Amino acid sequence: MRKLIKKVVYCLIAFVGFYVSAFFWHKVDLHAWYTFPTLVTIALAEAGLIALAIWKSID
């Protein structure tokens, strides 16, 4: 049970971290060609891959 909680916490940290970084990157780079929803989509995709790697690595 502890391993499951650990996996879920790490995955949530990955998702929140990428969402926050996308938000701040959007605010800093005002001349970017992409929009905030695009950044969030990219961030969620990357966070999903990292979460999957974390999920598989914790046994």
PDB file of N, CA and C in Angstrom:
ATOM      1  N   MET A   1       0.809  -1.198   0.000  1.00  0.00           N
ATOM      2  CA  MET A   1       0.000   0.000   0.000  1.00  0.00           C
ATOM      3  C   MET A   1       0.851   1.260   0.000  1.00  0.00           C
ATOM      4  N   ARG A   2       1.968   1.216   0.749  1.00  0.00           N
ATOM      5  CA  ARG A   2       2.847   2.385   0.794  1.00  0.00           C
ATOM      6  C   ARG A   2       3.465   2.673  -0.570  1.00  0.00           C
ATOM      7  N   LYS A   3       3.798   1.620  -1.310  1.00  0.00           N
ATOM      8  CA  LYS A   3       4.384   1.816  -2.635  1.00  0.00           C
ATOM      9  C   LYS A   3       3.384   2.462  -3.572  1.00  0.00           C
ATOM     10  N   LEU A   4       2.125   2.085  -3.463  1.00  0.00           N
ATOM     11  CA  LEU A   4       1.089   2.686  -4.296  1.00  0.00           C
ATOM     12  C   LEU A   4       0.936   4.169  -3.970  1.00  0.00           C
ATOM     13  N   ILE A   5       0.926   4.498  -2.689  1.00  0.00           N
ATOM     14  CA  ILE A   5       0.817   5.903  -2.287  1.00  0.00           C
ATOM     15  C   ILE A   5       2.025   6.683  -2.780  1.00  0.00           C
ATOM     16  N   LYS A   6       3.199   6.084  -2.669  1.00  0.00           N
ATOM     17  CA  LYS A   6       4.423   6.731  -3.131  1.00  0.00           C
ATOM     18  C   LYS A   6       4.359   6.991  -4.641  1.00  0.00           C
ATOM     19  N   LYS A   7       3.899   6.013  -5.403  1.00  0.00           N
ATOM     20  CA  LYS A   7       3.759   6.181  -6.847  1.00  0.00           C
ATOM     21  C   LYS A   7       2.795   7.312  -7.179  1.00  0.00           C
ATOM     22  N   VAL A   8       1.645   7.320  -6.511  1.00  0.00           N
ATOM     23  CA  VAL A   8       0.634   8.343  -6.791  1.00  0.00           C
ATOM     24  C   VAL A   8       1.165   9.736  -6.445  1.00  0.00           C
ATOM     25  N   VAL A   9       1.852   9.866  -5.323  1.00  0.00           N
ATOM     26  CA  VAL A   9       2.399  11.166  -4.926  1.00  0.00           C
ATOM     27  C   VAL A   9       3.437  11.647  -5.932  1.00  0.00           C
ATOM     28  N   TYR A  10       4.343  10.785  -6.345  1.00  0.00           N
ATOM     29  CA  TYR A  10       5.356  11.177  -7.319  1.00  0.00           C
ATOM     30  C   TYR A  10       4.732  11.568  -8.652  1.00  0.00           C
ATOM     31  N   CYS A  11       3.709  10.837  -9.068  1.00  0.00           N
ATOM     32  CA  CYS A  11       3.043  11.155 -10.326  1.00  0.00           C
ATOM     33  C   CYS A  11       2.320  12.492 -10.239  1.00  0.00           C
ATOM     34  N   LEU A  12       1.685  12.763  -9.116  1.00  0.00           N
ATOM     35  CA  LEU A  12       1.027  14.062  -8.936  1.00  0.00           C
ATOM     36  C   LEU A  12       2.039  15.206  -8.947  1.00  0.00           C
ATOM     37  N   ILE A  13       3.187  14.980  -8.332  1.00  0.00           N
ATOM     38  CA  ILE A  13       4.242  15.997  -8.345  1.00  0.00           C
ATOM     39  C   ILE A  13       4.696  16.269  -9.776  1.00  0.00           C
ATOM     40  N   ALA A  14       4.831  15.214 -10.577  1.00  0.00           N
ATOM     41  CA  ALA A  14       5.233  15.383 -11.975  1.00  0.00           C
ATOM     42  C   ALA A  14       4.190  16.201 -12.732  1.00  0.00           C
ATOM     43  N   PHE A  15       2.917  15.882 -12.575  1.00  0.00           N
ATOM     44  CA  PHE A  15       1.867  16.601 -13.283  1.00  0.00           C
ATOM     45  C   PHE A  15       1.800  18.067 -12.852  1.00  0.00           C
ATOM     46  N   VAL A  16       1.833  18.312 -11.553  1.00  0.00           N
ATOM     47  CA  VAL A  16       1.744  19.687 -11.056  1.00  0.00           C
ATOM     48  C   VAL A  16       2.977  20.482 -11.477  1.00  0.00           C
ATOM     49  N   GLY A  17       4.136  19.864 -11.381  1.00  0.00           N
ATOM     50  CA  GLY A  17       5.368  20.553 -11.763  1.00  0.00           C
ATOM     51  C   GLY A  17       5.378  20.967 -13.222  1.00  0.00           C
ATOM     52  N   PHE A  18       4.951  20.084 -14.103  1.00  0.00           N
ATOM     53  CA  PHE A  18       4.941  20.432 -15.516  1.00  0.00           C
ATOM     54  C   PHE A  18       3.868  21.465 -15.833  1.00  0.00           C
ATOM     55  N   TYR A  19       2.735  21.406 -15.151  1.00  0.00           N
ATOM     56  CA  TYR A  19       1.687  22.402 -15.376  1.00  0.00           C
ATOM     57  C   TYR A  19       2.160  23.779 -14.933  1.00  0.00           C
ATOM     58  N   VAL A  20       2.790  23.854 -13.764  1.00  0.00           N
ATOM     59  CA  VAL A  20       3.294  25.133 -13.253  1.00  0.00           C
ATOM     60  C   VAL A  20       4.394  25.669 -14.152  1.00  0.00           C
ATOM     61  N   SER A  21       5.288  24.797 -14.608  1.00  0.00           N
ATOM     62  CA  SER A  21       6.360  25.259 -15.491  1.00  0.00           C
ATOM     63  C   SER A  21       5.795  25.761 -16.818  1.00  0.00           C
ATOM     64  N   ALA A  22       4.765  25.099 -17.339  1.00  0.00           N
ATOM     65  CA  ALA A  22       4.137  25.571 -18.571  1.00  0.00           C
ATOM     66  C   ALA A  22       3.499  26.937 -18.356  1.00  0.00           C
ATOM     67  N   PHE A  23       2.863  27.129 -17.214  1.00  0.00           N
ATOM     68  CA  PHE A  23       2.221  28.406 -16.916  1.00  0.00           C
ATOM     69  C   PHE A  23       3.249  29.533 -16.869  1.00  0.00           C
ATOM     70  N   PHE A  24       4.349  29.309 -16.138  1.00  0.00           N
ATOM     71  CA  PHE A  24       5.351  30.360 -16.018  1.00  0.00           C
ATOM     72  C   PHE A  24       6.107  30.587 -17.324  1.00  0.00           C
ATOM     73  N   TRP A  25       6.340  29.527 -18.094  1.00  0.00           N
ATOM     74  CA  TRP A  25       6.994  29.677 -19.386  1.00  0.00           C
ATOM     75  C   TRP A  25       6.136  30.518 -20.319  1.00  0.00           C
ATOM     76  N   HIS A  26       4.822  30.314 -20.265  1.00  0.00           N
ATOM     77  CA  HIS A  26       3.900  31.097 -21.082  1.00  0.00           C
ATOM     78  C   HIS A  26       3.925  32.561 -20.661  1.00  0.00           C
ATOM     79  N   LYS A  27       4.015  32.833 -19.385  1.00  0.00           N
ATOM     80  CA  LYS A  27       4.027  34.207 -18.899  1.00  0.00           C
ATOM     81  C   LYS A  27       5.333  34.920 -19.239  1.00  0.00           C
ATOM     82  N   VAL A  28       6.434  34.187 -19.251  1.00  0.00           N
ATOM     83  CA  VAL A  28       7.737  34.803 -19.507  1.00  0.00           C
ATOM     84  C   VAL A  28       7.944  35.041 -20.998  1.00  0.00           C
ATOM     85  N   ASP A  29       7.627  34.045 -21.819  1.00  0.00           N
ATOM     86  CA  ASP A  29       7.902  34.124 -23.253  1.00  0.00           C
ATOM     87  C   ASP A  29       6.662  34.629 -23.996  1.00  0.00           C
ATOM     88  N   LEU A  30       6.497  35.949 -24.012  1.00  0.00           N
ATOM     89  CA  LEU A  30       5.276  36.534 -24.567  1.00  0.00           C
ATOM     90  C   LEU A  30       5.246  36.512 -26.092  1.00  0.00           C
ATOM     91  N   HIS A  31       6.382  36.348 -26.728  1.00  0.00           N
ATOM     92  CA  HIS A  31       6.427  36.374 -28.190  1.00  0.00           C
ATOM     93  C   HIS A  31       6.417  34.975 -28.793  1.00  0.00           C
ATOM     94  N   ALA A  32       5.998  33.996 -28.003  1.00  0.00           N
ATOM     95  CA  ALA A  32       6.000  32.617 -28.481  1.00  0.00           C
ATOM     96  C   ALA A  32       4.867  32.395 -29.478  1.00  0.00           C
ATOM     97  N   TRP A  33       5.061  31.436 -30.365  1.00  0.00           N
ATOM     98  CA  TRP A  33       4.044  31.126 -31.379  1.00  0.00           C
ATOM     99  C   TRP A  33       2.941  30.252 -30.831  1.00  0.00           C
ATOM    100  N   TYR A  34       3.208  29.608 -29.715  1.00  0.00           N
ATOM    101  CA  TYR A  34       2.233  28.680 -29.159  1.00  0.00           C
ATOM    102  C   TYR A  34       1.340  29.385 -28.137  1.00  0.00           C
ATOM    103  N   THR A  35       0.246  28.773 -27.845  1.00  0.00           N
ATOM    104  CA  THR A  35      -0.695  29.328 -26.874  1.00  0.00           C
ATOM    105  C   THR A  35      -0.616  28.546 -25.575  1.00  0.00           C
ATOM    106  N   PHE A  36      -1.253  29.061 -24.553  1.00  0.00           N
ATOM    107  CA  PHE A  36      -1.215  28.395 -23.253  1.00  0.00           C
ATOM    108  C   PHE A  36      -1.832  26.999 -23.289  1.00  0.00           C
ATOM    109  N   PRO A  37      -2.979  26.784 -23.968  1.00  0.00           N
ATOM    110  CA  PRO A  37      -3.508  25.408 -24.032  1.00  0.00           C
ATOM    111  C   PRO A  37      -2.547  24.424 -24.700  1.00  0.00           C
ATOM    112  N   THR A  38      -1.799  24.894 -25.687  1.00  0.00           N
ATOM    113  CA  THR A  38      -0.803  24.034 -26.329  1.00  0.00           C
ATOM    114  C   THR A  38       0.288  23.656 -25.329  1.00  0.00           C
ATOM    115  N   LEU A  39       0.733  24.643 -24.557  1.00  0.00           N
ATOM    116  CA  LEU A  39       1.754  24.371 -23.546  1.00  0.00           C
ATOM    117  C   LEU A  39       1.259  23.383 -22.504  1.00  0.00           C
ATOM    118  N   VAL A  40       0.005  23.542 -22.093  1.00  0.00           N
ATOM    119  CA  VAL A  40      -0.549  22.629 -21.093  1.00  0.00           C
ATOM    120  C   VAL A  40      -0.635  21.216 -21.658  1.00  0.00           C
ATOM    121  N   THR A  41      -1.020  21.102 -22.917  1.00  0.00           N
ATOM    122  CA  THR A  41      -1.095  19.780 -23.544  1.00  0.00           C
ATOM    123  C   THR A  41       0.275  19.128 -23.603  1.00  0.00           C
ATOM    124  N   ILE A  42       1.285  19.894 -24.011  1.00  0.00           N
ATOM    125  CA  ILE A  42       2.652  19.368 -24.058  1.00  0.00           C
ATOM    126  C   ILE A  42       3.119  18.990 -22.658  1.00  0.00           C
ATOM    127  N   ALA A  43       2.828  19.853 -21.684  1.00  0.00           N
ATOM    128  CA  ALA A  43       3.251  19.579 -20.311  1.00  0.00           C
ATOM    129  C   ALA A  43       2.585  18.319 -19.764  1.00  0.00           C
ATOM    130  N   LEU A  44       1.309  18.137 -20.060  1.00  0.00           N
ATOM    131  CA  LEU A  44       0.617  16.940 -19.583  1.00  0.00           C
ATOM    132  C   LEU A  44       1.159  15.680 -20.256  1.00  0.00           C
ATOM    133  N   ALA A  45       1.494  15.789 -21.538  1.00  0.00           N
ATOM    134  CA  ALA A  45       2.070  14.638 -22.231  1.00  0.00           C
ATOM    135  C   ALA A  45       3.421  14.263 -21.626  1.00  0.00           C
ATOM    136  N   GLU A  46       4.259  15.265 -21.383  1.00  0.00           N
ATOM    137  CA  GLU A  46       5.569  14.994 -20.785  1.00  0.00           C
ATOM    138  C   GLU A  46       5.416  14.466 -19.362  1.00  0.00           C
ATOM    139  N   ALA A  47       4.507  15.063 -18.615  1.00  0.00           N
ATOM    140  CA  ALA A  47       4.295  14.602 -17.243  1.00  0.00           C
ATOM    141  C   ALA A  47       3.750  13.177 -17.238  1.00  0.00           C
ATOM    142  N   GLY A  48       2.917  12.849 -18.221  1.00  0.00           N
ATOM    143  CA  GLY A  48       2.400  11.495 -18.319  1.00  0.00           C
ATOM    144  C   GLY A  48       3.503  10.492 -18.571  1.00  0.00           C
ATOM    145  N   LEU A  49       4.438  10.850 -19.433  1.00  0.00           N
ATOM    146  CA  LEU A  49       5.564   9.952 -19.698  1.00  0.00           C
ATOM    147  C   LEU A  49       6.442   9.789 -18.471  1.00  0.00           C
ATOM    148  N   ILE A  50       6.689  10.882 -17.774  1.00  0.00           N
ATOM    149  CA  ILE A  50       7.495  10.799 -16.557  1.00  0.00           C
ATOM    150  C   ILE A  50       6.767  10.000 -15.490  1.00  0.00           C
ATOM    151  N   ALA A  51       5.453  10.222 -15.375  1.00  0.00           N
ATOM    152  CA  ALA A  51       4.668   9.468 -14.393  1.00  0.00           C
ATOM    153  C   ALA A  51       4.693   7.974 -14.713  1.00  0.00           C
ATOM    154  N   LEU A  52       4.609   7.653 -15.989  1.00  0.00           N
ATOM    155  CA  LEU A  52       4.677   6.246 -16.385  1.00  0.00           C
ATOM    156  C   LEU A  52       6.032   5.652 -16.028  1.00  0.00           C
ATOM    157  N   ALA A  53       7.096   6.410 -16.270  1.00  0.00           N
ATOM    158  CA  ALA A  53       8.432   5.920 -15.918  1.00  0.00           C
ATOM    159  C   ALA A  53       8.566   5.736 -14.412  1.00  0.00           C
ATOM    160  N   ILE A  54       8.037   6.689 -13.643  1.00  0.00           N
ATOM    161  CA  ILE A  54       8.081   6.564 -12.183  1.00  0.00           C
ATOM    162  C   ILE A  54       7.279   5.348 -11.741  1.00  0.00           C
ATOM    163  N   TRP A  55       6.103   5.195 -12.326  1.00  0.00           N
ATOM    164  CA  TRP A  55       5.212   4.087 -11.950  1.00  0.00           C
ATOM    165  C   TRP A  55       5.886   2.741 -12.189  1.00  0.00           C
ATOM    166  N   LYS A  56       6.581   2.628 -13.331  1.00  0.00           N
ATOM    167  CA  LYS A  56       7.238   1.360 -13.665  1.00  0.00           C
ATOM    168  C   LYS A  56       8.503   1.133 -12.839  1.00  0.00           C
ATOM    169  N   SER A  57       9.172   2.226 -12.421  1.00  0.00           N
ATOM    170  CA  SER A  57      10.454   2.063 -11.741  1.00  0.00           C
ATOM    171  C   SER A  57      10.307   1.716 -10.267  1.00  0.00           C
ATOM    172  N   ILE A  58       9.207   2.110  -9.644  1.00  0.00           N
ATOM    173  CA  ILE A  58       9.015   1.795  -8.226  1.00  0.00           C
ATOM    174  C   ILE A  58       8.358   0.424  -8.112  1.00  0.00           C
ATOM    175  N   ASP A  59       9.089  -0.491  -7.522  1.00  0.00           N
ATOM    176  CA  ASP A  59       8.556  -1.856  -7.381  1.00  0.00           C
ATOM    177  C   ASP A  59       8.110  -2.121  -5.967  1.00  0.00           C
TER     178      ASP A  59
END
